């Protein structure tokens, strides 16, 4: 998709970075270095900013919820190559995340129509960061759901969900955290003169949003870590309750087993064995002893 919004400003949106022949054609047409083309087609790149002789190259991740299909969180790579009056974006698959900006350009609304290419670049990155915040809001809801579930029932599935969420948070932090240094670098960028001083105030606002996203990730990570500790504590308490119950039962049967053992020795000279009511007396003593011990345990609040 080619979108020209002023006579001397051109934005190119390329969908499908695995089509190396198209990437090579665009690279030859706009003098994109071969190493940059390789970074574009390699979708496992880390988030980074490269300052070239007359251009800037940014690689970051698109993170959004696929509401129309599975509802899961989708992570894809997006690359920006821009120089004076030219901005090229490379996406893995066609997405409508930037439709609002495209409509503003077509309709000639807002500052984006009057500004240079650096403001358009800022606007696109701002949309990406906004989607980061939307995804984190959704994950925050899941964290609250896990919190409520922990207070009700103790299931192994809950622990697996906590570990999955914690792993996702670590991955998101690795993706988003470098953006702070990248934005600072853009504010101080003087070699190419692409970023105008008038755009710095918007970059500062973008920096605040990235800091907010990172703070949210750190908060959720701490909450998930505390959930794991809480789960282990509940699991330990449940195990202690089981051990306590078994201990009480074993303690009750110790004197009963002793009495049974005494009268099971089968010595010839044991007068109680021939007594008419001996069996009933022993049963009564054993039952009374068990009730007495249960009453003592209850009084001590052991159960």
C-alpha atoms as a PDB file:
ATOM      1  CA  UNK A   1       0.000   0.000   0.000  1.00  0.00           C
ATOM      2  CA  UNK A   2       1.395   3.376  -1.050  1.00  0.00           C
ATOM      3  CA  UNK A   3       0.012   6.425   0.721  1.00  0.00           C
ATOM      4  CA  UNK A   4       1.220   9.884  -0.290  1.00  0.00           C
ATOM      5  CA  UNK A   5      -0.150  12.638   1.930  1.00  0.00           C
ATOM      6  CA  UNK A   6       1.783  15.625   0.643  1.00  0.00           C
ATOM      7  CA  UNK A   7       3.527  16.434  -2.578  1.00  0.00           C
ATOM      8  CA  UNK A   8       6.936  15.632  -1.147  1.00  0.00           C
ATOM      9  CA  UNK A   9       6.074  13.130   1.603  1.00  0.00           C
ATOM     10  CA  UNK A  10       5.542   9.419   0.954  1.00  0.00           C
ATOM     11  CA  UNK A  11       4.513   6.585   3.247  1.00  0.00           C
ATOM     12  CA  UNK A  12       4.741   2.983   2.081  1.00  0.00           C
ATOM     13  CA  UNK A  13       3.032   0.178   3.990  1.00  0.00           C
ATOM     14  CA  UNK A  14       4.401  -3.279   3.126  1.00  0.00           C
ATOM     15  CA  UNK A  15       2.468  -6.380   4.244  1.00  0.00           C
ATOM     16  CA  UNK A  16       4.318  -9.699   4.235  1.00  0.00           C
ATOM     17  CA  UNK A  17       7.974  -9.405   5.209  1.00  0.00           C
ATOM     18  CA  UNK A  18       8.699 -12.965   4.074  1.00  0.00           C
ATOM     19  CA  UNK A  19       8.409 -11.946   0.424  1.00  0.00           C
ATOM     20  CA  UNK A  20      12.106 -11.327  -0.017  1.00  0.00           C
ATOM     21  CA  UNK A  21      11.871 -10.359  -3.672  1.00  0.00           C
ATOM     22  CA  UNK A  22       9.492  -7.487  -2.855  1.00  0.00           C
ATOM     23  CA  UNK A  23      11.682  -6.370   0.032  1.00  0.00           C
ATOM     24  CA  UNK A  24      14.703  -6.450  -2.282  1.00  0.00           C
ATOM     25  CA  UNK A  25      12.903  -4.367  -4.919  1.00  0.00           C
ATOM     26  CA  UNK A  26      11.902  -1.757  -2.352  1.00  0.00           C
ATOM     27  CA  UNK A  27      15.422  -1.818  -0.908  1.00  0.00           C
ATOM     28  CA  UNK A  28      16.957  -1.165  -4.308  1.00  0.00           C
ATOM     29  CA  UNK A  29      14.424   1.531  -5.104  1.00  0.00           C
ATOM     30  CA  UNK A  30      14.956   3.475  -1.869  1.00  0.00           C
ATOM     31  CA  UNK A  31      18.598   2.576  -1.166  1.00  0.00           C
ATOM     32  CA  UNK A  32      17.990   0.383   1.904  1.00  0.00           C
ATOM     33  CA  UNK A  33      21.144  -1.391   3.092  1.00  0.00           C
ATOM     34  CA  UNK A  34      21.275  -5.177   2.659  1.00  0.00           C
ATOM     35  CA  UNK A  35      21.744  -5.736   6.410  1.00  0.00           C
ATOM     36  CA  UNK A  36      18.624  -3.677   7.105  1.00  0.00           C
ATOM     37  CA  UNK A  37      16.717  -5.798   4.587  1.00  0.00           C
ATOM     38  CA  UNK A  38      17.868  -8.904   6.452  1.00  0.00           C
ATOM     39  CA  UNK A  39      16.628  -7.450   9.747  1.00  0.00           C
ATOM     40  CA  UNK A  40      13.273  -6.717   8.118  1.00  0.00           C
ATOM     41  CA  UNK A  41      12.767 -10.300   6.942  1.00  0.00           C
ATOM     42  CA  UNK A  42      14.020 -11.824  10.222  1.00  0.00           C
ATOM     43  CA  UNK A  43      10.973 -11.682  12.479  1.00  0.00           C
ATOM     44  CA  UNK A  44      12.754 -12.727  15.678  1.00  0.00           C
ATOM     45  CA  UNK A  45      14.598  -9.431  16.038  1.00  0.00           C
ATOM     46  CA  UNK A  46      14.839  -7.687  19.381  1.00  0.00           C
ATOM     47  CA  UNK A  47      13.430  -4.186  19.793  1.00  0.00           C
ATOM     48  CA  UNK A  48      16.105  -1.781  18.569  1.00  0.00           C
ATOM     49  CA  UNK A  49      16.846   1.520  16.816  1.00  0.00           C
ATOM     50  CA  UNK A  50      19.623   1.835  14.234  1.00  0.00           C
ATOM     51  CA  UNK A  51      20.863   5.272  13.227  1.00  0.00           C
ATOM     52  CA  UNK A  52      22.082   5.133   9.625  1.00  0.00           C
ATOM     53  CA  UNK A  53      23.803   7.758   7.501  1.00  0.00           C
ATOM     54  CA  UNK A  54      20.636   9.465   6.310  1.00  0.00           C
ATOM     55  CA  UNK A  55      17.883   7.338   7.836  1.00  0.00           C
ATOM     56  CA  UNK A  56      16.550   5.721  10.992  1.00  0.00           C
ATOM     57  CA  UNK A  57      15.529   2.078  11.317  1.00  0.00           C
ATOM     58  CA  UNK A  58      13.312   0.872  14.153  1.00  0.00           C
ATOM     59  CA  UNK A  59      12.276  -2.702  14.909  1.00  0.00           C
ATOM     60  CA  UNK A  60       9.579  -3.334  17.506  1.00  0.00           C
ATOM     61  CA  UNK A  61       6.647  -5.635  18.192  1.00  0.00           C
ATOM     62  CA  UNK A  62       2.950  -5.268  17.508  1.00  0.00           C
ATOM     63  CA  UNK A  63       0.971  -6.687  20.418  1.00  0.00           C
ATOM     64  CA  UNK A  64      -2.799  -6.801  20.106  1.00  0.00           C
ATOM     65  CA  UNK A  65      -5.826  -8.984  20.792  1.00  0.00           C
ATOM     66  CA  UNK A  66      -7.195 -10.942  17.857  1.00  0.00           C
ATOM     67  CA  UNK A  67     -10.818 -10.214  18.733  1.00  0.00           C
ATOM     68  CA  UNK A  68     -12.273 -11.447  15.455  1.00  0.00           C
ATOM     69  CA  UNK A  69     -10.796 -14.955  15.568  1.00  0.00           C
ATOM     70  CA  UNK A  70      -9.416 -16.588  18.677  1.00  0.00           C
ATOM     71  CA  UNK A  71      -9.419 -13.666  21.103  1.00  0.00           C
ATOM     72  CA  UNK A  72      -5.805 -14.486  22.003  1.00  0.00           C
ATOM     73  CA  UNK A  73      -2.947 -12.025  22.176  1.00  0.00           C
ATOM     74  CA  UNK A  74      -0.978 -11.795  18.924  1.00  0.00           C
ATOM     75  CA  UNK A  75       2.661 -10.674  18.763  1.00  0.00           C
ATOM     76  CA  UNK A  76       4.163  -9.723  15.400  1.00  0.00           C
ATOM     77  CA  UNK A  77       7.149  -7.739  14.272  1.00  0.00           C
ATOM     78  CA  UNK A  78       6.915  -4.340  12.610  1.00  0.00           C
ATOM     79  CA  UNK A  79       9.826  -2.360  11.161  1.00  0.00           C
ATOM     80  CA  UNK A  80      10.095   1.349  10.341  1.00  0.00           C
ATOM     81  CA  UNK A  81      12.565   2.701   7.823  1.00  0.00           C
ATOM     82  CA  UNK A  82      12.349   6.441   7.464  1.00  0.00           C
ATOM     83  CA  UNK A  83      14.366   9.302   6.167  1.00  0.00           C
ATOM     84  CA  UNK A  84      13.474  12.800   5.115  1.00  0.00           C
ATOM     85  CA  UNK A  85      10.052  12.755   3.383  1.00  0.00           C
ATOM     86  CA  UNK A  86       9.895   8.926   3.311  1.00  0.00           C
ATOM     87  CA  UNK A  87       8.475   6.416   5.804  1.00  0.00           C
ATOM     88  CA  UNK A  88       8.225   2.690   5.035  1.00  0.00           C
ATOM     89  CA  UNK A  89       6.571   0.249   7.433  1.00  0.00           C
ATOM     90  CA  UNK A  90       7.031  -3.516   7.105  1.00  0.00           C
ATOM     91  CA  UNK A  91       4.430  -5.767   8.777  1.00  0.00           C
ATOM     92  CA  UNK A  92       4.236  -9.560   8.901  1.00  0.00           C
ATOM     93  CA  UNK A  93       0.544  -9.684   7.967  1.00  0.00           C
ATOM     94  CA  UNK A  94      -2.056  -7.077   6.919  1.00  0.00           C
ATOM     95  CA  UNK A  95      -3.519  -5.312   9.945  1.00  0.00           C
ATOM     96  CA  UNK A  96      -5.989  -2.465  10.419  1.00  0.00           C
ATOM     97  CA  UNK A  97      -4.328  -1.086  13.547  1.00  0.00           C
ATOM     98  CA  UNK A  98      -3.373   2.148  11.789  1.00  0.00           C
ATOM     99  CA  UNK A  99      -6.684   2.785  10.020  1.00  0.00           C
ATOM    100  CA  UNK A 100      -7.420   5.801  12.223  1.00  0.00           C
ATOM    101  CA  UNK A 101      -4.179   7.478  11.114  1.00  0.00           C
ATOM    102  CA  UNK A 102      -4.795   6.593   7.474  1.00  0.00           C
ATOM    103  CA  UNK A 103      -8.268   8.132   7.660  1.00  0.00           C
ATOM    104  CA  UNK A 104      -6.899  11.303   9.250  1.00  0.00           C
ATOM    105  CA  UNK A 105      -4.398  11.609   6.401  1.00  0.00           C
ATOM    106  CA  UNK A 106      -7.028  11.039   3.727  1.00  0.00           C
ATOM    107  CA  UNK A 107      -9.455  13.487   5.317  1.00  0.00           C
ATOM    108  CA  UNK A 108      -6.759  16.068   6.014  1.00  0.00           C
ATOM    109  CA  UNK A 109      -7.656  16.304   9.703  1.00  0.00           C
ATOM    110  CA  UNK A 110      -5.439  17.139  12.650  1.00  0.00           C
ATOM    111  CA  UNK A 111      -1.788  18.006  12.993  1.00  0.00           C
ATOM    112  CA  UNK A 112      -0.603  14.966  11.081  1.00  0.00           C
ATOM    113  CA  UNK A 113      -1.496  16.590   7.765  1.00  0.00           C
ATOM    114  CA  UNK A 114       0.514  19.718   8.485  1.00  0.00           C
ATOM    115  CA  UNK A 115       3.539  18.071  10.085  1.00  0.00           C
ATOM    116  CA  UNK A 116       6.571  16.360   8.638  1.00  0.00           C
ATOM    117  CA  UNK A 117       7.468  12.689   8.480  1.00  0.00           C
ATOM    118  CA  UNK A 118       8.763  12.539  12.064  1.00  0.00           C
ATOM    119  CA  UNK A 119       5.324  13.327  13.493  1.00  0.00           C
ATOM    120  CA  UNK A 120       3.765  10.593  11.351  1.00  0.00           C
ATOM    121  CA  UNK A 121       6.363   8.184  12.719  1.00  0.00           C
ATOM    122  CA  UNK A 122       5.526   9.263  16.277  1.00  0.00           C
ATOM    123  CA  UNK A 123       1.803   8.787  15.609  1.00  0.00           C
ATOM    124  CA  UNK A 124       2.315   5.213  14.403  1.00  0.00           C
ATOM    125  CA  UNK A 125       4.491   4.263  17.376  1.00  0.00           C
ATOM    126  CA  UNK A 126       1.950   5.883  19.707  1.00  0.00           C
ATOM    127  CA  UNK A 127      -0.756   3.590  18.309  1.00  0.00           C
ATOM    128  CA  UNK A 128       1.495   0.593  18.989  1.00  0.00           C
ATOM    129  CA  UNK A 129       2.056   1.697  22.596  1.00  0.00           C
ATOM    130  CA  UNK A 130      -1.693   2.253  23.037  1.00  0.00           C
ATOM    131  CA  UNK A 131      -2.266  -1.363  22.030  1.00  0.00           C
ATOM    132  CA  UNK A 132       0.337  -2.390  24.606  1.00  0.00           C
ATOM    133  CA  UNK A 133      -1.787  -0.664  27.249  1.00  0.00           C
ATOM    134  CA  UNK A 134      -4.979  -2.343  25.982  1.00  0.00           C
ATOM    135  CA  UNK A 135      -3.371  -5.789  26.143  1.00  0.00           C
ATOM    136  CA  UNK A 136      -2.063  -5.092  29.653  1.00  0.00           C
ATOM    137  CA  UNK A 137      -5.547  -4.030  30.768  1.00  0.00           C
ATOM    138  CA  UNK A 138      -6.848  -7.391  29.572  1.00  0.00           C
ATOM    139  CA  UNK A 139      -4.030  -9.224  31.351  1.00  0.00           C
ATOM    140  CA  UNK A 140      -4.733  -7.168  34.478  1.00  0.00           C
ATOM    141  CA  UNK A 141      -8.298  -8.506  34.419  1.00  0.00           C
ATOM    142  CA  UNK A 142      -6.898 -12.043  34.246  1.00  0.00           C
ATOM    143  CA  UNK A 143      -4.611 -11.322  37.208  1.00  0.00           C
ATOM    144  CA  UNK A 144      -7.605 -10.147  39.252  1.00  0.00           C
ATOM    145  CA  UNK A 145      -9.500 -13.280  38.226  1.00  0.00           C
ATOM    146  CA  UNK A 146      -6.626 -15.456  39.468  1.00  0.00           C
ATOM    147  CA  UNK A 147      -6.611 -13.504  42.733  1.00  0.00           C
ATOM    148  CA  UNK A 148     -10.325 -14.177  43.250  1.00  0.00           C
ATOM    149  CA  UNK A 149      -9.904 -17.839  42.332  1.00  0.00           C
ATOM    150  CA  UNK A 150      -7.101 -18.283  44.856  1.00  0.00           C
ATOM    151  CA  UNK A 151      -9.362 -17.053  47.632  1.00  0.00           C
ATOM    152  CA  UNK A 152     -12.067 -19.599  46.759  1.00  0.00           C
ATOM    153  CA  UNK A 153     -10.447 -22.874  45.724  1.00  0.00           C
ATOM    154  CA  UNK A 154      -6.967 -24.366  45.571  1.00  0.00           C
ATOM    155  CA  UNK A 155      -6.362 -26.002  42.193  1.00  0.00           C
ATOM    156  CA  UNK A 156      -3.234 -27.004  40.344  1.00  0.00           C
ATOM    157  CA  UNK A 157      -4.640 -25.333  37.215  1.00  0.00           C
ATOM    158  CA  UNK A 158      -4.459 -22.026  39.065  1.00  0.00           C
ATOM    159  CA  UNK A 159      -0.728 -22.452  39.668  1.00  0.00           C
ATOM    160  CA  UNK A 160      -0.199 -23.283  35.992  1.00  0.00           C
ATOM    161  CA  UNK A 161      -2.136 -20.134  35.020  1.00  0.00           C
ATOM    162  CA  UNK A 162       0.043 -18.038  37.330  1.00  0.00           C
ATOM    163  CA  UNK A 163       3.258 -19.395  35.818  1.00  0.00           C
ATOM    164  CA  UNK A 164       1.911 -18.857  32.281  1.00  0.00           C
ATOM    165  CA  UNK A 165       1.017 -15.257  33.110  1.00  0.00           C
ATOM    166  CA  UNK A 166       4.391 -14.646  34.726  1.00  0.00           C
ATOM    167  CA  UNK A 167       6.186 -16.005  31.665  1.00  0.00           C
ATOM    168  CA  UNK A 168       4.098 -13.744  29.420  1.00  0.00           C
ATOM    169  CA  UNK A 169       4.936 -10.735  31.588  1.00  0.00           C
ATOM    170  CA  UNK A 170       8.659 -11.471  31.337  1.00  0.00           C
ATOM    171  CA  UNK A 171       8.370 -11.710  27.558  1.00  0.00           C
ATOM    172  CA  UNK A 172       6.401  -8.463  27.324  1.00  0.00           C
ATOM    173  CA  UNK A 173       8.930  -6.681  29.485  1.00  0.00           C
ATOM    174  CA  UNK A 174      11.768  -7.836  27.251  1.00  0.00           C
ATOM    175  CA  UNK A 175       9.861  -6.480  24.241  1.00  0.00           C
ATOM    176  CA  UNK A 176       8.676  -3.157  25.657  1.00  0.00           C
ATOM    177  CA  UNK A 177      11.435  -2.114  28.044  1.00  0.00           C
ATOM    178  CA  UNK A 178      13.984  -1.131  25.324  1.00  0.00           C
ATOM    179  CA  UNK A 179      11.517   1.452  23.991  1.00  0.00           C
ATOM    180  CA  UNK A 180      12.419   3.780  26.870  1.00  0.00           C
ATOM    181  CA  UNK A 181      16.038   4.044  25.769  1.00  0.00           C
ATOM    182  CA  UNK A 182      14.965   4.241  22.123  1.00  0.00           C
ATOM    183  CA  UNK A 183      12.696   7.241  22.748  1.00  0.00           C
ATOM    184  CA  UNK A 184      15.433   8.998  24.707  1.00  0.00           C
ATOM    185  CA  UNK A 185      17.790   8.313  21.812  1.00  0.00           C
ATOM    186  CA  UNK A 186      15.268   9.762  19.345  1.00  0.00           C
ATOM    187  CA  UNK A 187      14.985  12.936  21.417  1.00  0.00           C
ATOM    188  CA  UNK A 188      18.754  13.383  21.307  1.00  0.00           C
ATOM    189  CA  UNK A 189      19.168  12.234  17.703  1.00  0.00           C
ATOM    190  CA  UNK A 190      21.107  14.877  15.760  1.00  0.00           C
ATOM    191  CA  UNK A 191      23.017  12.952  13.103  1.00  0.00           C
ATOM    192  CA  UNK A 192      20.259  12.603  10.497  1.00  0.00           C
ATOM    193  CA  UNK A 193      18.212  15.679  11.536  1.00  0.00           C
ATOM    194  CA  UNK A 194      15.047  13.672  10.783  1.00  0.00           C
ATOM    195  CA  UNK A 195      13.451  14.159  14.200  1.00  0.00           C
ATOM    196  CA  UNK A 196      12.420  17.785  14.574  1.00  0.00           C
ATOM    197  CA  UNK A 197      12.663  19.621  17.865  1.00  0.00           C
ATOM    198  CA  UNK A 198       8.930  20.362  17.699  1.00  0.00           C
ATOM    199  CA  UNK A 199       8.240  16.614  17.969  1.00  0.00           C
ATOM    200  CA  UNK A 200      10.169  16.199  21.226  1.00  0.00           C
ATOM    201  CA  UNK A 201       7.187  17.210  23.348  1.00  0.00           C
ATOM    202  CA  UNK A 202       5.188  14.351  21.789  1.00  0.00           C
ATOM    203  CA  UNK A 203       8.078  11.948  22.313  1.00  0.00           C
ATOM    204  CA  UNK A 204       8.099  12.920  25.982  1.00  0.00           C
ATOM    205  CA  UNK A 205       4.410  12.037  26.196  1.00  0.00           C
ATOM    206  CA  UNK A 206       5.142   8.748  24.431  1.00  0.00           C
ATOM    207  CA  UNK A 207       7.960   8.105  26.902  1.00  0.00           C
ATOM    208  CA  UNK A 208       5.525   8.591  29.800  1.00  0.00           C
ATOM    209  CA  UNK A 209       3.186   6.016  28.256  1.00  0.00           C
ATOM    210  CA  UNK A 210       6.010   3.500  27.863  1.00  0.00           C
ATOM    211  CA  UNK A 211       7.055   4.073  31.484  1.00  0.00           C
ATOM    212  CA  UNK A 212       3.436   3.516  32.544  1.00  0.00           C
ATOM    213  CA  UNK A 213       3.323   0.246  30.581  1.00  0.00           C
ATOM    214  CA  UNK A 214       6.583  -0.943  32.161  1.00  0.00           C
ATOM    215  CA  UNK A 215       5.345   0.008  35.639  1.00  0.00           C
ATOM    216  CA  UNK A 216       2.154  -1.971  35.035  1.00  0.00           C
ATOM    217  CA  UNK A 217       4.182  -4.993  33.940  1.00  0.00           C
ATOM    218  CA  UNK A 218       6.358  -4.768  37.058  1.00  0.00           C
ATOM    219  CA  UNK A 219       3.266  -4.441  39.259  1.00  0.00           C
ATOM    220  CA  UNK A 220       1.625  -7.491  37.714  1.00  0.00           C
ATOM    221  CA  UNK A 221       4.861  -9.471  38.011  1.00  0.00           C
ATOM    222  CA  UNK A 222       5.051  -8.677  41.724  1.00  0.00           C
ATOM    223  CA  UNK A 223       1.404  -9.631  42.153  1.00  0.00           C
ATOM    224  CA  UNK A 224       1.956 -12.947  40.365  1.00  0.00           C
ATOM    225  CA  UNK A 225       5.029 -13.651  42.509  1.00  0.00           C
ATOM    226  CA  UNK A 226       2.960 -12.985  45.623  1.00  0.00           C
ATOM    227  CA  UNK A 227       0.235 -15.285  44.233  1.00  0.00           C
ATOM    228  CA  UNK A 228       2.785 -18.089  43.971  1.00  0.00           C
ATOM    229  CA  UNK A 229       3.876 -17.532  47.570  1.00  0.00           C
ATOM    230  CA  UNK A 230       0.234 -17.410  48.673  1.00  0.00           C
ATOM    231  CA  UNK A 231      -0.541 -20.614  46.743  1.00  0.00           C
ATOM    232  CA  UNK A 232       2.388 -22.394  48.387  1.00  0.00           C
ATOM    233  CA  UNK A 233       1.259 -21.163  51.796  1.00  0.00           C
ATOM    234  CA  UNK A 234      -2.303 -22.401  51.203  1.00  0.00           C
ATOM    235  CA  UNK A 235      -0.989 -25.712  49.924  1.00  0.00           C
ATOM    236  CA  UNK A 236       1.253 -26.029  52.987  1.00  0.00           C
ATOM    237  CA  UNK A 237      -1.655 -25.184  55.294  1.00  0.00           C
ATOM    238  CA  UNK A 238      -3.841 -27.786  53.594  1.00  0.00           C
ATOM    239  CA  UNK A 239      -1.080 -30.366  54.021  1.00  0.00           C
ATOM    240  CA  UNK A 240      -0.697 -29.385  57.672  1.00  0.00           C
ATOM    241  CA  UNK A 241      -4.429 -29.894  58.195  1.00  0.00           C
ATOM    242  CA  UNK A 242      -4.179 -33.395  56.728  1.00  0.00           C
ATOM    243  CA  UNK A 243      -1.158 -34.211  58.884  1.00  0.00           C
ATOM    244  CA  UNK A 244      -2.905 -32.822  61.962  1.00  0.00           C
ATOM    245  CA  UNK A 245      -5.997 -34.947  61.333  1.00  0.00           C
ATOM    246  CA  UNK A 246      -3.924 -38.088  60.868  1.00  0.00           C
ATOM    247  CA  UNK A 247      -1.915 -37.251  63.990  1.00  0.00           C
ATOM    248  CA  UNK A 248      -5.087 -36.865  66.081  1.00  0.00           C
ATOM    249  CA  UNK A 249      -6.410 -40.196  64.813  1.00  0.00           C
ATOM    250  CA  UNK A 250      -3.077 -41.900  65.509  1.00  0.00           C
ATOM    251  CA  UNK A 251      -2.918 -40.382  69.010  1.00  0.00           C
ATOM    252  CA  UNK A 252      -6.400 -41.651  69.840  1.00  0.00           C
ATOM    253  CA  UNK A 253      -5.543 -45.161  68.741  1.00  0.00           C
ATOM    254  CA  UNK A 254      -2.276 -45.369  70.688  1.00  0.00           C
ATOM    255  CA  UNK A 255      -3.922 -46.146  74.104  1.00  0.00           C
ATOM    256  CA  UNK A 256      -6.610 -48.245  72.408  1.00  0.00           C
ATOM    257  CA  UNK A 257      -3.938 -50.300  70.686  1.00  0.00           C
ATOM    258  CA  UNK A 258      -2.112 -50.656  74.011  1.00  0.00           C
ATOM    259  CA  UNK A 259      -5.219 -52.036  75.737  1.00  0.00           C
ATOM    260  CA  UNK A 260      -5.919 -54.379  72.835  1.00  0.00           C
ATOM    261  CA  UNK A 261      -2.331 -55.562  72.929  1.00  0.00           C
ATOM    262  CA  UNK A 262      -2.417 -56.269  76.673  1.00  0.00           C
ATOM    263  CA  UNK A 263      -5.502 -58.437  76.411  1.00  0.00           C
ATOM    264  CA  UNK A 264      -4.272 -60.109  73.273  1.00  0.00           C
ATOM    265  CA  UNK A 265      -1.188 -61.647  74.902  1.00  0.00           C
ATOM    266  CA  UNK A 266      -3.119 -64.881  75.711  1.00  0.00           C
ATOM    267  CA  UNK A 267      -1.402 -65.688  79.009  1.00  0.00           C
ATOM    268  CA  UNK A 268      -2.986 -68.553  80.918  1.00  0.00           C
ATOM    269  CA  UNK A 269      -3.331 -66.611  84.180  1.00  0.00           C
ATOM    270  CA  UNK A 270      -5.433 -63.556  83.095  1.00  0.00           C
ATOM    271  CA  UNK A 271      -8.565 -63.368  85.293  1.00  0.00           C
ATOM    272  CA  UNK A 272     -10.206 -60.691  83.062  1.00  0.00           C
ATOM    273  CA  UNK A 273     -10.416 -63.107  80.165  1.00  0.00           C
ATOM    274  CA  UNK A 274     -12.814 -65.361  82.040  1.00  0.00           C
ATOM    275  CA  UNK A 275     -14.904 -62.572  83.549  1.00  0.00           C
ATOM    276  CA  UNK A 276     -18.463 -62.569  82.239  1.00  0.00           C
ATOM    277  CA  UNK A 277     -18.628 -58.828  81.454  1.00  0.00           C
ATOM    278  CA  UNK A 278     -14.897 -58.270  80.795  1.00  0.00           C
ATOM    279  CA  UNK A 279     -15.334 -57.730  77.048  1.00  0.00           C
ATOM    280  CA  UNK A 280     -18.044 -55.088  77.528  1.00  0.00           C
ATOM    281  CA  UNK A 281     -16.056 -53.319  80.234  1.00  0.00           C
ATOM    282  CA  UNK A 282     -12.971 -53.094  78.014  1.00  0.00           C
ATOM    283  CA  UNK A 283     -15.036 -51.734  75.096  1.00  0.00           C
ATOM    284  CA  UNK A 284     -16.611 -49.141  77.393  1.00  0.00           C
ATOM    285  CA  UNK A 285     -13.202 -48.089  78.743  1.00  0.00           C
ATOM    286  CA  UNK A 286     -11.783 -47.793  75.222  1.00  0.00           C
ATOM    287  CA  UNK A 287     -14.763 -45.758  73.969  1.00  0.00           C
ATOM    288  CA  UNK A 288     -14.660 -43.503  77.041  1.00  0.00           C
ATOM    289  CA  UNK A 289     -10.937 -42.970  76.605  1.00  0.00           C
ATOM    290  CA  UNK A 290     -11.397 -42.055  72.932  1.00  0.00           C
ATOM    291  CA  UNK A 291     -14.208 -39.563  73.784  1.00  0.00           C
ATOM    292  CA  UNK A 292     -12.106 -38.055  76.577  1.00  0.00           C
ATOM    293  CA  UNK A 293      -9.150 -37.518  74.249  1.00  0.00           C
ATOM    294  CA  UNK A 294     -11.388 -35.975  71.563  1.00  0.00           C
ATOM    295  CA  UNK A 295     -12.812 -33.595  74.169  1.00  0.00           C
ATOM    296  CA  UNK A 296      -9.291 -32.590  75.223  1.00  0.00           C
ATOM    297  CA  UNK A 297      -8.263 -31.962  71.629  1.00  0.00           C
ATOM    298  CA  UNK A 298     -11.412 -29.918  71.022  1.00  0.00           C
ATOM    299  CA  UNK A 299     -10.782 -27.858  74.137  1.00  0.00           C
ATOM    300  CA  UNK A 300      -7.271 -27.090  72.934  1.00  0.00           C
ATOM    301  CA  UNK A 301      -8.749 -26.163  69.522  1.00  0.00           C
ATOM    302  CA  UNK A 302      -6.631 -28.637  67.662  1.00  0.00           C
ATOM    303  CA  UNK A 303      -9.509 -29.224  65.267  1.00  0.00           C
END
